[in-house]
Amino acid sequence: MVKEFRAQDTTTPVVLMGYLNPIENLGAAKFADLASRSGVDGLITVDLPPEESSDFAPVIKQHGIYPVYLIAPTSTDTRIKAIANLSQGFVYYVSVKGVTGTKAPDYKQVKQQLARIRSITDLPIAVGFGIKDATGVTAVGKLADAVVVGSAIVEVMSVQNDVMQIAADVENFIKSIAK
């Protein structure tokens, strides 16, 4: 999919987000090679803490892929600094405690946390988890450099079986929240 996208757009950054197990199954070097040749710019591996990535991060960096790590609402200043030092491109702030898509963020708390993160790093901050509608996108968009609505898109996709209808529904959803 990234390769097809790159045939039409060579400038928009593409960051994959997923779990380490499928990457390990394929092999880190093979994954990094395929991802790089397809045009992937960054990788968020949600279940790979930075302190456990000393073998993996150099492999993807060799292929020009930026590692991006998650900052939790419970992260200490020391941990935020460590995450920011290992992340490239941006950091990803998890706006809620718990499972993504299950509850809305407390926007006042997000604002406070982003101020704290900005006092530690100059990297741009993407915010995700729990943001699922235009109201959430607007609120977080005023605070963050990027807003992630991944679970909301997956939810839109889950109610259809027809690929063309899924594409149309996702496009309409994105258009509605982008306004």
N, C-alpha and C. Protein backbone atom coordinates (compact mmCIF):
# COMPACT_ATOMS: atom_id res chain seq x y z
N MET A 1 0.82 -1.19 0.00
CA MET A 1 0.00 0.00 0.00
C MET A 1 0.87 1.26 0.00
N VAL A 2 1.96 1.24 0.78
CA VAL A 2 2.84 2.40 0.82
C VAL A 2 3.49 2.62 -0.54
N LYS A 3 3.91 1.54 -1.17
CA LYS A 3 4.54 1.64 -2.48
C LYS A 3 3.57 2.26 -3.50
N GLU A 4 2.30 1.82 -3.47
CA GLU A 4 1.28 2.39 -4.35
C GLU A 4 1.07 3.87 -4.05
N PHE A 5 1.01 4.22 -2.76
CA PHE A 5 0.84 5.61 -2.35
C PHE A 5 2.02 6.45 -2.85
N ARG A 6 3.24 5.93 -2.70
CA ARG A 6 4.44 6.64 -3.12
C ARG A 6 4.49 6.89 -4.63
N ALA A 7 3.81 6.06 -5.41
CA ALA A 7 3.76 6.28 -6.85
C ALA A 7 3.03 7.59 -7.18
N GLN A 8 2.16 8.03 -6.26
CA GLN A 8 1.40 9.25 -6.48
C GLN A 8 1.86 10.41 -5.61
N ASP A 9 2.52 10.12 -4.49
CA ASP A 9 2.90 11.16 -3.52
C ASP A 9 4.24 10.78 -2.90
N THR A 10 5.25 11.57 -3.21
CA THR A 10 6.59 11.29 -2.69
C THR A 10 6.99 12.20 -1.54
N THR A 11 6.11 13.11 -1.15
CA THR A 11 6.49 14.08 -0.13
C THR A 11 5.79 13.91 1.22
N THR A 12 4.59 13.38 1.24
CA THR A 12 3.86 13.20 2.51
C THR A 12 4.56 12.11 3.33
N PRO A 13 4.95 12.43 4.56
CA PRO A 13 5.58 11.40 5.39
C PRO A 13 4.63 10.24 5.67
N VAL A 14 5.18 9.03 5.66
CA VAL A 14 4.40 7.83 5.97
C VAL A 14 5.03 7.18 7.20
N VAL A 15 4.22 7.06 8.26
CA VAL A 15 4.66 6.45 9.50
C VAL A 15 3.75 5.26 9.78
N LEU A 16 4.35 4.08 9.87
CA LEU A 16 3.58 2.88 10.20
C LEU A 16 3.46 2.77 11.71
N MET A 17 2.33 2.24 12.16
CA MET A 17 2.12 2.03 13.59
C MET A 17 1.59 0.62 13.78
N GLY A 18 2.25 -0.12 14.66
CA GLY A 18 1.81 -1.48 14.89
C GLY A 18 2.59 -2.13 16.01
N TYR A 19 2.58 -3.44 16.00
CA TYR A 19 3.21 -4.23 17.07
C TYR A 19 4.48 -4.89 16.57
N LEU A 20 5.35 -5.23 17.50
CA LEU A 20 6.65 -5.80 17.18
C LEU A 20 6.55 -7.23 16.65
N ASN A 21 5.60 -8.02 17.11
CA ASN A 21 5.55 -9.43 16.75
C ASN A 21 5.57 -9.69 15.24
N PRO A 22 4.75 -9.02 14.43
CA PRO A 22 4.81 -9.28 12.98
C PRO A 22 6.17 -8.90 12.38
N ILE A 23 6.78 -7.86 12.93
CA ILE A 23 8.10 -7.44 12.44
C ILE A 23 9.14 -8.51 12.78
N GLU A 24 9.10 -9.00 14.01
CA GLU A 24 10.02 -10.05 14.41
C GLU A 24 9.79 -11.33 13.61
N ASN A 25 8.54 -11.61 13.31
CA ASN A 25 8.20 -12.80 12.52
C ASN A 25 8.86 -12.73 11.15
N LEU A 26 8.84 -11.57 10.53
CA LEU A 26 9.45 -11.36 9.22
C LEU A 26 10.98 -11.26 9.34
N GLY A 27 11.42 -10.70 10.46
CA GLY A 27 12.84 -10.41 10.66
C GLY A 27 13.04 -8.91 10.54
N ALA A 28 13.69 -8.33 11.51
CA ALA A 28 13.84 -6.87 11.55
C ALA A 28 14.53 -6.32 10.31
N ALA A 29 15.61 -6.96 9.89
CA ALA A 29 16.35 -6.47 8.72
C ALA A 29 15.52 -6.56 7.45
N LYS A 30 14.82 -7.68 7.27
CA LYS A 30 13.98 -7.83 6.08
C LYS A 30 12.83 -6.82 6.10
N PHE A 31 12.20 -6.67 7.27
CA PHE A 31 11.12 -5.68 7.40
C PHE A 31 11.63 -4.28 7.06
N ALA A 32 12.76 -3.90 7.66
CA ALA A 32 13.32 -2.56 7.44
C ALA A 32 13.65 -2.34 5.97
N ASP A 33 14.20 -3.35 5.32
CA ASP A 33 14.53 -3.24 3.90
C ASP A 33 13.27 -3.06 3.06
N LEU A 34 12.26 -3.89 3.29
CA LEU A 34 11.00 -3.79 2.53
C LEU A 34 10.30 -2.46 2.79
N ALA A 35 10.25 -2.06 4.06
CA ALA A 35 9.59 -0.81 4.43
C ALA A 35 10.30 0.38 3.78
N SER A 36 11.62 0.37 3.84
CA SER A 36 12.40 1.46 3.25
C SER A 36 12.20 1.54 1.75
N ARG A 37 12.29 0.40 1.08
CA ARG A 37 12.12 0.39 -0.38
C ARG A 37 10.70 0.78 -0.79
N SER A 38 9.73 0.60 0.12
CA SER A 38 8.35 0.98 -0.18
C SER A 38 8.10 2.46 0.06
N GLY A 39 8.98 3.11 0.85
CA GLY A 39 8.82 4.54 1.09
C GLY A 39 8.37 4.91 2.49
N VAL A 40 8.52 4.00 3.44
CA VAL A 40 8.15 4.29 4.83
C VAL A 40 9.20 5.23 5.43
N ASP A 41 8.73 6.24 6.17
CA ASP A 41 9.63 7.21 6.80
C ASP A 41 9.83 6.97 8.28
N GLY A 42 8.82 6.47 8.95
CA GLY A 42 8.91 6.30 10.40
C GLY A 42 8.14 5.09 10.86
N LEU A 43 8.42 4.71 12.12
CA LEU A 43 7.78 3.53 12.67
C LEU A 43 7.47 3.74 14.15
N ILE A 44 6.20 3.53 14.50
CA ILE A 44 5.78 3.51 15.89
C ILE A 44 5.47 2.06 16.23
N THR A 45 6.26 1.48 17.09
CA THR A 45 6.05 0.10 17.52
C THR A 45 5.53 0.17 18.94
N VAL A 46 4.21 0.07 19.10
CA VAL A 46 3.55 0.42 20.35
C VAL A 46 3.95 -0.44 21.54
N ASP A 47 4.38 -1.66 21.28
CA ASP A 47 4.75 -2.53 22.39
C ASP A 47 6.27 -2.67 22.55
N LEU A 48 7.02 -1.72 22.00
CA LEU A 48 8.47 -1.74 22.13
C LEU A 48 8.92 -0.50 22.89
N PRO A 49 9.19 -0.66 24.20
CA PRO A 49 9.69 0.48 24.95
C PRO A 49 11.09 0.85 24.48
N PRO A 50 11.45 2.12 24.55
CA PRO A 50 12.75 2.54 24.02
C PRO A 50 13.93 1.81 24.66
N GLU A 51 13.84 1.50 25.94
CA GLU A 51 14.95 0.84 26.60
C GLU A 51 15.13 -0.61 26.15
N GLU A 52 14.17 -1.13 25.42
CA GLU A 52 14.27 -2.49 24.89
C GLU A 52 14.57 -2.49 23.38
N SER A 53 14.84 -1.33 22.81
CA SER A 53 14.98 -1.23 21.36
C SER A 53 16.43 -1.12 20.88
N SER A 54 17.38 -1.39 21.75
CA SER A 54 18.79 -1.18 21.38
C SER A 54 19.24 -2.06 20.21
N ASP A 55 18.63 -3.22 20.00
CA ASP A 55 18.98 -4.05 18.85
C ASP A 55 18.16 -3.66 17.62
N PHE A 56 16.92 -3.27 17.83
CA PHE A 56 15.99 -3.01 16.74
C PHE A 56 16.18 -1.63 16.11
N ALA A 57 16.29 -0.60 16.92
CA ALA A 57 16.35 0.78 16.40
C ALA A 57 17.49 0.99 15.41
N PRO A 58 18.70 0.49 15.66
CA PRO A 58 19.77 0.70 14.67
C PRO A 58 19.47 0.06 13.32
N VAL A 59 18.74 -1.05 13.32
CA VAL A 59 18.41 -1.73 12.07
C VAL A 59 17.49 -0.85 11.22
N ILE A 60 16.45 -0.29 11.83
CA ILE A 60 15.55 0.54 11.03
C ILE A 60 16.21 1.87 10.66
N LYS A 61 17.03 2.41 11.56
CA LYS A 61 17.73 3.67 11.25
C LYS A 61 18.67 3.50 10.07
N GLN A 62 19.32 2.33 9.97
CA GLN A 62 20.21 2.06 8.84
C GLN A 62 19.47 2.15 7.52
N HIS A 63 18.19 1.91 7.56
CA HIS A 63 17.36 1.94 6.35
C HIS A 63 16.62 3.28 6.20
N GLY A 64 17.00 4.26 6.99
CA GLY A 64 16.41 5.59 6.87
C GLY A 64 15.02 5.72 7.46
N ILE A 65 14.68 4.82 8.37
CA ILE A 65 13.35 4.86 9.01
C ILE A 65 13.51 5.39 10.43
N TYR A 66 12.74 6.42 10.75
CA TYR A 66 12.80 7.03 12.08
C TYR A 66 12.00 6.24 13.11
N PRO A 67 12.60 5.93 14.25
CA PRO A 67 11.81 5.34 15.33
C PRO A 67 11.08 6.44 16.10
N VAL A 68 9.83 6.18 16.45
CA VAL A 68 9.02 7.12 17.22
C VAL A 68 8.49 6.34 18.43
N TYR A 69 8.66 6.93 19.61
CA TYR A 69 8.25 6.24 20.83
C TYR A 69 7.09 6.96 21.51
N LEU A 70 6.38 6.21 22.34
CA LEU A 70 5.20 6.72 23.03
C LEU A 70 5.54 7.32 24.38
N ILE A 71 4.89 8.43 24.68
CA ILE A 71 4.96 9.04 26.01
C ILE A 71 3.59 8.84 26.65
N ALA A 72 3.58 8.19 27.80
CA ALA A 72 2.33 7.92 28.52
C ALA A 72 1.98 9.08 29.44
N PRO A 73 0.71 9.18 29.84
CA PRO A 73 0.31 10.22 30.79
C PRO A 73 1.05 10.10 32.13
N THR A 74 1.54 8.92 32.42
CA THR A 74 2.24 8.68 33.70
C THR A 74 3.76 8.81 33.59
N SER A 75 4.27 9.16 32.40
CA SER A 75 5.72 9.27 32.21
C SER A 75 6.30 10.39 33.06
N THR A 76 7.44 10.11 33.68
CA THR A 76 8.16 11.12 34.46
C THR A 76 8.94 12.02 33.51
N ASP A 77 9.41 13.14 34.02
CA ASP A 77 10.23 14.04 33.21
C ASP A 77 11.49 13.32 32.71
N THR A 78 12.08 12.50 33.55
CA THR A 78 13.28 11.76 33.17
C THR A 78 12.98 10.82 32.01
N ARG A 79 11.85 10.13 32.09
CA ARG A 79 11.48 9.20 31.02
C ARG A 79 11.13 9.96 29.74
N ILE A 80 10.43 11.07 29.85
CA ILE A 80 10.11 11.88 28.67
C ILE A 80 11.39 12.31 27.97
N LYS A 81 12.37 12.74 28.73
CA LYS A 81 13.65 13.15 28.15
C LYS A 81 14.32 11.99 27.42
N ALA A 82 14.32 10.81 28.04
CA ALA A 82 14.92 9.63 27.42
C ALA A 82 14.19 9.26 26.13
N ILE A 83 12.86 9.30 26.15
CA ILE A 83 12.05 8.98 24.97
C ILE A 83 12.33 10.00 23.86
N ALA A 84 12.37 11.27 24.22
CA ALA A 84 12.63 12.32 23.24
C ALA A 84 14.02 12.18 22.63
N ASN A 85 14.98 11.76 23.43
CA ASN A 85 16.35 11.59 22.91
C ASN A 85 16.45 10.43 21.93
N LEU A 86 15.59 9.43 22.06
CA LEU A 86 15.65 8.27 21.18
C LEU A 86 14.69 8.37 19.98
N SER A 87 13.66 9.19 20.10
CA SER A 87 12.71 9.37 19.01
C SER A 87 13.30 10.28 17.95
N GLN A 88 12.88 10.05 16.73
CA GLN A 88 13.28 10.92 15.64
C GLN A 88 12.03 11.39 14.90
N GLY A 89 12.01 12.64 14.52
CA GLY A 89 10.87 13.18 13.79
C GLY A 89 9.83 13.80 14.70
N PHE A 90 9.32 13.01 15.64
CA PHE A 90 8.34 13.51 16.60
C PHE A 90 8.20 12.50 17.73
N VAL A 91 7.47 12.89 18.77
CA VAL A 91 7.09 11.97 19.84
C VAL A 91 5.57 11.81 19.79
N TYR A 92 5.09 10.71 20.33
CA TYR A 92 3.66 10.40 20.31
C TYR A 92 3.17 10.37 21.75
N TYR A 93 2.28 11.31 22.09
CA TYR A 93 1.71 11.36 23.43
C TYR A 93 0.40 10.58 23.46
N VAL A 94 0.32 9.63 24.36
CA VAL A 94 -0.89 8.82 24.57
C VAL A 94 -1.79 9.61 25.52
N SER A 95 -2.93 10.06 25.02
CA SER A 95 -3.74 11.03 25.76
C SER A 95 -4.63 10.45 26.84
N VAL A 96 -4.76 9.14 26.89
CA VAL A 96 -5.58 8.51 27.93
C VAL A 96 -4.86 7.31 28.52
N LYS A 97 -5.17 7.01 29.75
CA LYS A 97 -4.69 5.76 30.34
C LYS A 97 -5.65 4.67 29.91
N GLY A 98 -5.14 3.52 29.52
CA GLY A 98 -5.99 2.41 29.14
C GLY A 98 -5.91 2.09 27.66
N VAL A 99 -6.97 1.51 27.13
CA VAL A 99 -7.03 1.02 25.76
C VAL A 99 -7.48 2.12 24.83
N THR A 100 -6.85 2.21 23.66
CA THR A 100 -7.20 3.24 22.70
C THR A 100 -8.65 3.11 22.24
N GLY A 101 -9.28 4.26 22.03
CA GLY A 101 -10.63 4.29 21.51
C GLY A 101 -11.73 4.02 22.52
N THR A 102 -11.39 3.80 23.78
CA THR A 102 -12.43 3.44 24.75
C THR A 102 -12.97 4.62 25.53
N LYS A 103 -12.18 5.68 25.69
CA LYS A 103 -12.69 6.86 26.39
C LYS A 103 -12.02 8.11 25.84
N ALA A 104 -12.69 9.24 26.03
CA ALA A 104 -12.17 10.51 25.52
C ALA A 104 -11.13 11.08 26.46
N PRO A 105 -10.17 11.80 25.91
CA PRO A 105 -9.15 12.43 26.76
C PRO A 105 -9.72 13.58 27.58
N ASP A 106 -9.07 13.88 28.67
CA ASP A 106 -9.33 15.09 29.45
C ASP A 106 -8.46 16.17 28.83
N TYR A 107 -9.06 17.08 28.06
CA TYR A 107 -8.30 18.04 27.26
C TYR A 107 -7.51 19.02 28.12
N LYS A 108 -8.01 19.33 29.30
CA LYS A 108 -7.26 20.19 30.21
C LYS A 108 -5.96 19.49 30.63
N GLN A 109 -6.06 18.20 30.92
CA GLN A 109 -4.88 17.43 31.29
C GLN A 109 -3.92 17.29 30.10
N VAL A 110 -4.46 17.08 28.91
CA VAL A 110 -3.62 16.99 27.71
C VAL A 110 -2.84 18.29 27.53
N LYS A 111 -3.50 19.42 27.71
CA LYS A 111 -2.84 20.72 27.57
C LYS A 111 -1.68 20.84 28.57
N GLN A 112 -1.92 20.44 29.81
CA GLN A 112 -0.87 20.50 30.84
C GLN A 112 0.30 19.58 30.50
N GLN A 113 -0.02 18.38 30.07
CA GLN A 113 1.02 17.41 29.74
C GLN A 113 1.85 17.86 28.53
N LEU A 114 1.19 18.42 27.53
CA LEU A 114 1.93 18.89 26.36
C LEU A 114 2.86 20.05 26.71
N ALA A 115 2.42 20.92 27.61
CA ALA A 115 3.29 22.00 28.07
C ALA A 115 4.52 21.41 28.77
N ARG A 116 4.31 20.38 29.56
CA ARG A 116 5.43 19.73 30.25
C ARG A 116 6.37 19.07 29.25
N ILE A 117 5.82 18.37 28.26
CA ILE A 117 6.65 17.71 27.25
C ILE A 117 7.43 18.76 26.45
N ARG A 118 6.76 19.86 26.09
CA ARG A 118 7.44 20.91 25.31
C ARG A 118 8.57 21.57 26.11
N SER A 119 8.48 21.53 27.44
CA SER A 119 9.56 22.10 28.24
C SER A 119 10.79 21.18 28.25
N ILE A 120 10.61 19.94 27.78
CA ILE A 120 11.69 18.96 27.79
C ILE A 120 12.27 18.73 26.40
N THR A 121 11.44 18.84 25.36
CA THR A 121 11.92 18.57 24.00
C THR A 121 11.34 19.57 23.00
N ASP A 122 12.09 19.77 21.92
CA ASP A 122 11.62 20.61 20.82
C ASP A 122 10.97 19.79 19.71
N LEU A 123 10.97 18.46 19.86
CA LEU A 123 10.35 17.62 18.84
C LEU A 123 8.85 17.91 18.75
N PRO A 124 8.30 17.84 17.55
CA PRO A 124 6.84 17.96 17.42
C PRO A 124 6.16 16.83 18.20
N ILE A 125 4.91 17.09 18.60
CA ILE A 125 4.16 16.13 19.41
C ILE A 125 2.88 15.74 18.68
N ALA A 126 2.74 14.44 18.43
CA ALA A 126 1.48 13.89 17.93
C ALA A 126 0.70 13.38 19.14
N VAL A 127 -0.60 13.54 19.11
CA VAL A 127 -1.44 13.07 20.22
C VAL A 127 -2.48 12.12 19.66
N GLY A 128 -2.62 10.97 20.33
CA GLY A 128 -3.61 9.99 19.92
C GLY A 128 -4.16 9.24 21.11
N PHE A 129 -5.01 8.29 20.84
CA PHE A 129 -5.72 7.45 21.81
C PHE A 129 -6.95 8.20 22.31
N GLY A 130 -8.11 7.69 22.01
CA GLY A 130 -9.36 8.25 22.51
C GLY A 130 -9.93 9.40 21.69
N ILE A 131 -9.26 9.80 20.64
CA ILE A 131 -9.75 10.91 19.81
C ILE A 131 -10.53 10.29 18.65
N LYS A 132 -11.84 10.54 18.64
CA LYS A 132 -12.65 9.80 17.68
C LYS A 132 -13.69 10.61 16.93
N ASP A 133 -13.68 11.94 17.10
CA ASP A 133 -14.65 12.75 16.38
C ASP A 133 -14.10 14.15 16.15
N ALA A 134 -14.87 14.96 15.44
CA ALA A 134 -14.43 16.32 15.10
C ALA A 134 -14.19 17.16 16.34
N THR A 135 -14.97 16.98 17.38
CA THR A 135 -14.79 17.73 18.62
C THR A 135 -13.42 17.45 19.22
N GLY A 136 -13.07 16.17 19.28
CA GLY A 136 -11.76 15.78 19.82
C GLY A 136 -10.62 16.26 18.96
N VAL A 137 -10.78 16.14 17.64
CA VAL A 137 -9.74 16.59 16.71
C VAL A 137 -9.53 18.10 16.86
N THR A 138 -10.61 18.85 16.97
CA THR A 138 -10.50 20.31 17.13
C THR A 138 -9.82 20.67 18.44
N ALA A 139 -10.23 20.03 19.52
CA ALA A 139 -9.65 20.33 20.83
C ALA A 139 -8.15 20.00 20.87
N VAL A 140 -7.78 18.82 20.40
CA VAL A 140 -6.38 18.41 20.43
C VAL A 140 -5.58 19.15 19.35
N GLY A 141 -6.20 19.42 18.23
CA GLY A 141 -5.52 20.14 17.15
C GLY A 141 -5.04 21.52 17.54
N LYS A 142 -5.70 22.13 18.51
CA LYS A 142 -5.28 23.44 19.02
C LYS A 142 -4.04 23.33 19.90
N LEU A 143 -3.76 22.12 20.38
CA LEU A 143 -2.69 21.91 21.36
C LEU A 143 -1.47 21.19 20.78
N ALA A 144 -1.70 20.28 19.85
CA ALA A 144 -0.64 19.38 19.37
C ALA A 144 -0.21 19.74 17.95
N ASP A 145 0.88 19.13 17.53
CA ASP A 145 1.37 19.31 16.17
C ASP A 145 0.69 18.35 15.19
N ALA A 146 0.16 17.25 15.71
CA ALA A 146 -0.56 16.27 14.90
C ALA A 146 -1.58 15.56 15.77
N VAL A 147 -2.68 15.14 15.15
CA VAL A 147 -3.74 14.43 15.85
C VAL A 147 -3.93 13.07 15.17
N VAL A 148 -4.00 12.00 15.98
CA VAL A 148 -4.13 10.64 15.45
C VAL A 148 -5.52 10.11 15.80
N VAL A 149 -6.22 9.61 14.79
CA VAL A 149 -7.57 9.10 14.98
C VAL A 149 -7.68 7.65 14.49
N GLY A 150 -6.65 6.87 14.71
CA GLY A 150 -6.56 5.52 14.16
C GLY A 150 -7.71 4.61 14.53
N SER A 151 -8.04 4.50 15.81
CA SER A 151 -9.11 3.59 16.23
C SER A 151 -10.46 4.02 15.66
N ALA A 152 -10.67 5.31 15.52
CA ALA A 152 -11.93 5.79 14.95
C ALA A 152 -12.05 5.36 13.49
N ILE A 153 -10.95 5.38 12.77
CA ILE A 153 -10.97 4.94 11.37
C ILE A 153 -11.23 3.43 11.30
N VAL A 154 -10.59 2.68 12.17
CA VAL A 154 -10.81 1.24 12.22
C VAL A 154 -12.28 0.94 12.52
N GLU A 155 -12.87 1.72 13.41
CA GLU A 155 -14.29 1.54 13.75
C GLU A 155 -15.18 1.79 12.53
N VAL A 156 -14.89 2.85 11.79
CA VAL A 156 -15.65 3.14 10.57
C VAL A 156 -15.52 1.98 9.59
N MET A 157 -14.32 1.43 9.46
CA MET A 157 -14.08 0.33 8.53
C MET A 157 -14.79 -0.96 8.94
N SER A 158 -15.01 -1.14 10.22
CA SER A 158 -15.51 -2.42 10.72
C SER A 158 -16.98 -2.68 10.43
N VAL A 159 -17.73 -1.68 10.00
CA VAL A 159 -19.17 -1.88 9.79
C VAL A 159 -19.53 -2.26 8.35
N GLN A 160 -18.53 -2.35 7.48
CA GLN A 160 -18.77 -2.67 6.08
C GLN A 160 -17.95 -3.88 5.65
N ASN A 161 -18.40 -4.56 4.63
CA ASN A 161 -17.63 -5.64 4.02
C ASN A 161 -17.16 -5.27 2.62
N ASP A 162 -17.85 -4.34 1.99
CA ASP A 162 -17.54 -3.93 0.63
C ASP A 162 -16.36 -2.95 0.64
N VAL A 163 -15.28 -3.31 -0.04
CA VAL A 163 -14.05 -2.51 -0.02
C VAL A 163 -14.29 -1.09 -0.53
N MET A 164 -15.06 -0.95 -1.58
CA MET A 164 -15.31 0.39 -2.14
C MET A 164 -16.13 1.23 -1.16
N GLN A 165 -17.08 0.61 -0.48
CA GLN A 165 -17.88 1.34 0.50
C GLN A 165 -17.03 1.72 1.71
N ILE A 166 -16.13 0.82 2.12
CA ILE A 166 -15.22 1.13 3.23
C ILE A 166 -14.39 2.36 2.87
N ALA A 167 -13.84 2.37 1.66
CA ALA A 167 -13.01 3.51 1.23
C ALA A 167 -13.82 4.80 1.23
N ALA A 168 -15.05 4.74 0.75
CA ALA A 168 -15.91 5.93 0.72
C ALA A 168 -16.26 6.39 2.13
N ASP A 169 -16.56 5.44 3.01
CA ASP A 169 -16.91 5.78 4.39
C ASP A 169 -15.72 6.41 5.12
N VAL A 170 -14.53 5.85 4.92
CA VAL A 170 -13.34 6.41 5.57
C VAL A 170 -13.06 7.81 5.02
N GLU A 171 -13.18 7.97 3.72
CA GLU A 171 -12.97 9.30 3.12
C GLU A 171 -13.96 10.32 3.69
N ASN A 172 -15.23 9.95 3.79
CA ASN A 172 -16.25 10.86 4.34
C ASN A 172 -15.96 11.18 5.80
N PHE A 173 -15.54 10.17 6.57
CA PHE A 173 -15.23 10.40 7.97
C PHE A 173 -14.06 11.38 8.12
N ILE A 174 -13.02 11.15 7.36
CA ILE A 174 -11.84 12.02 7.43
C ILE A 174 -12.20 13.45 7.02
N LYS A 175 -12.97 13.57 5.96
CA LYS A 175 -13.40 14.90 5.52
C LYS A 175 -14.21 15.60 6.62
N SER A 176 -15.08 14.85 7.29
CA SER A 176 -15.93 15.45 8.33
C SER A 176 -15.11 15.93 9.53
N ILE A 177 -14.08 15.21 9.91
CA ILE A 177 -13.28 15.64 11.06
C ILE A 177 -12.23 16.68 10.67
N ALA A 178 -11.85 16.69 9.39
CA ALA A 178 -10.84 17.66 8.92
C ALA A 178 -11.41 19.09 8.89
N LYS A 179 -12.71 19.21 8.73
CA LYS A 179 -13.33 20.54 8.71
C LYS A 179 -13.14 21.22 10.04
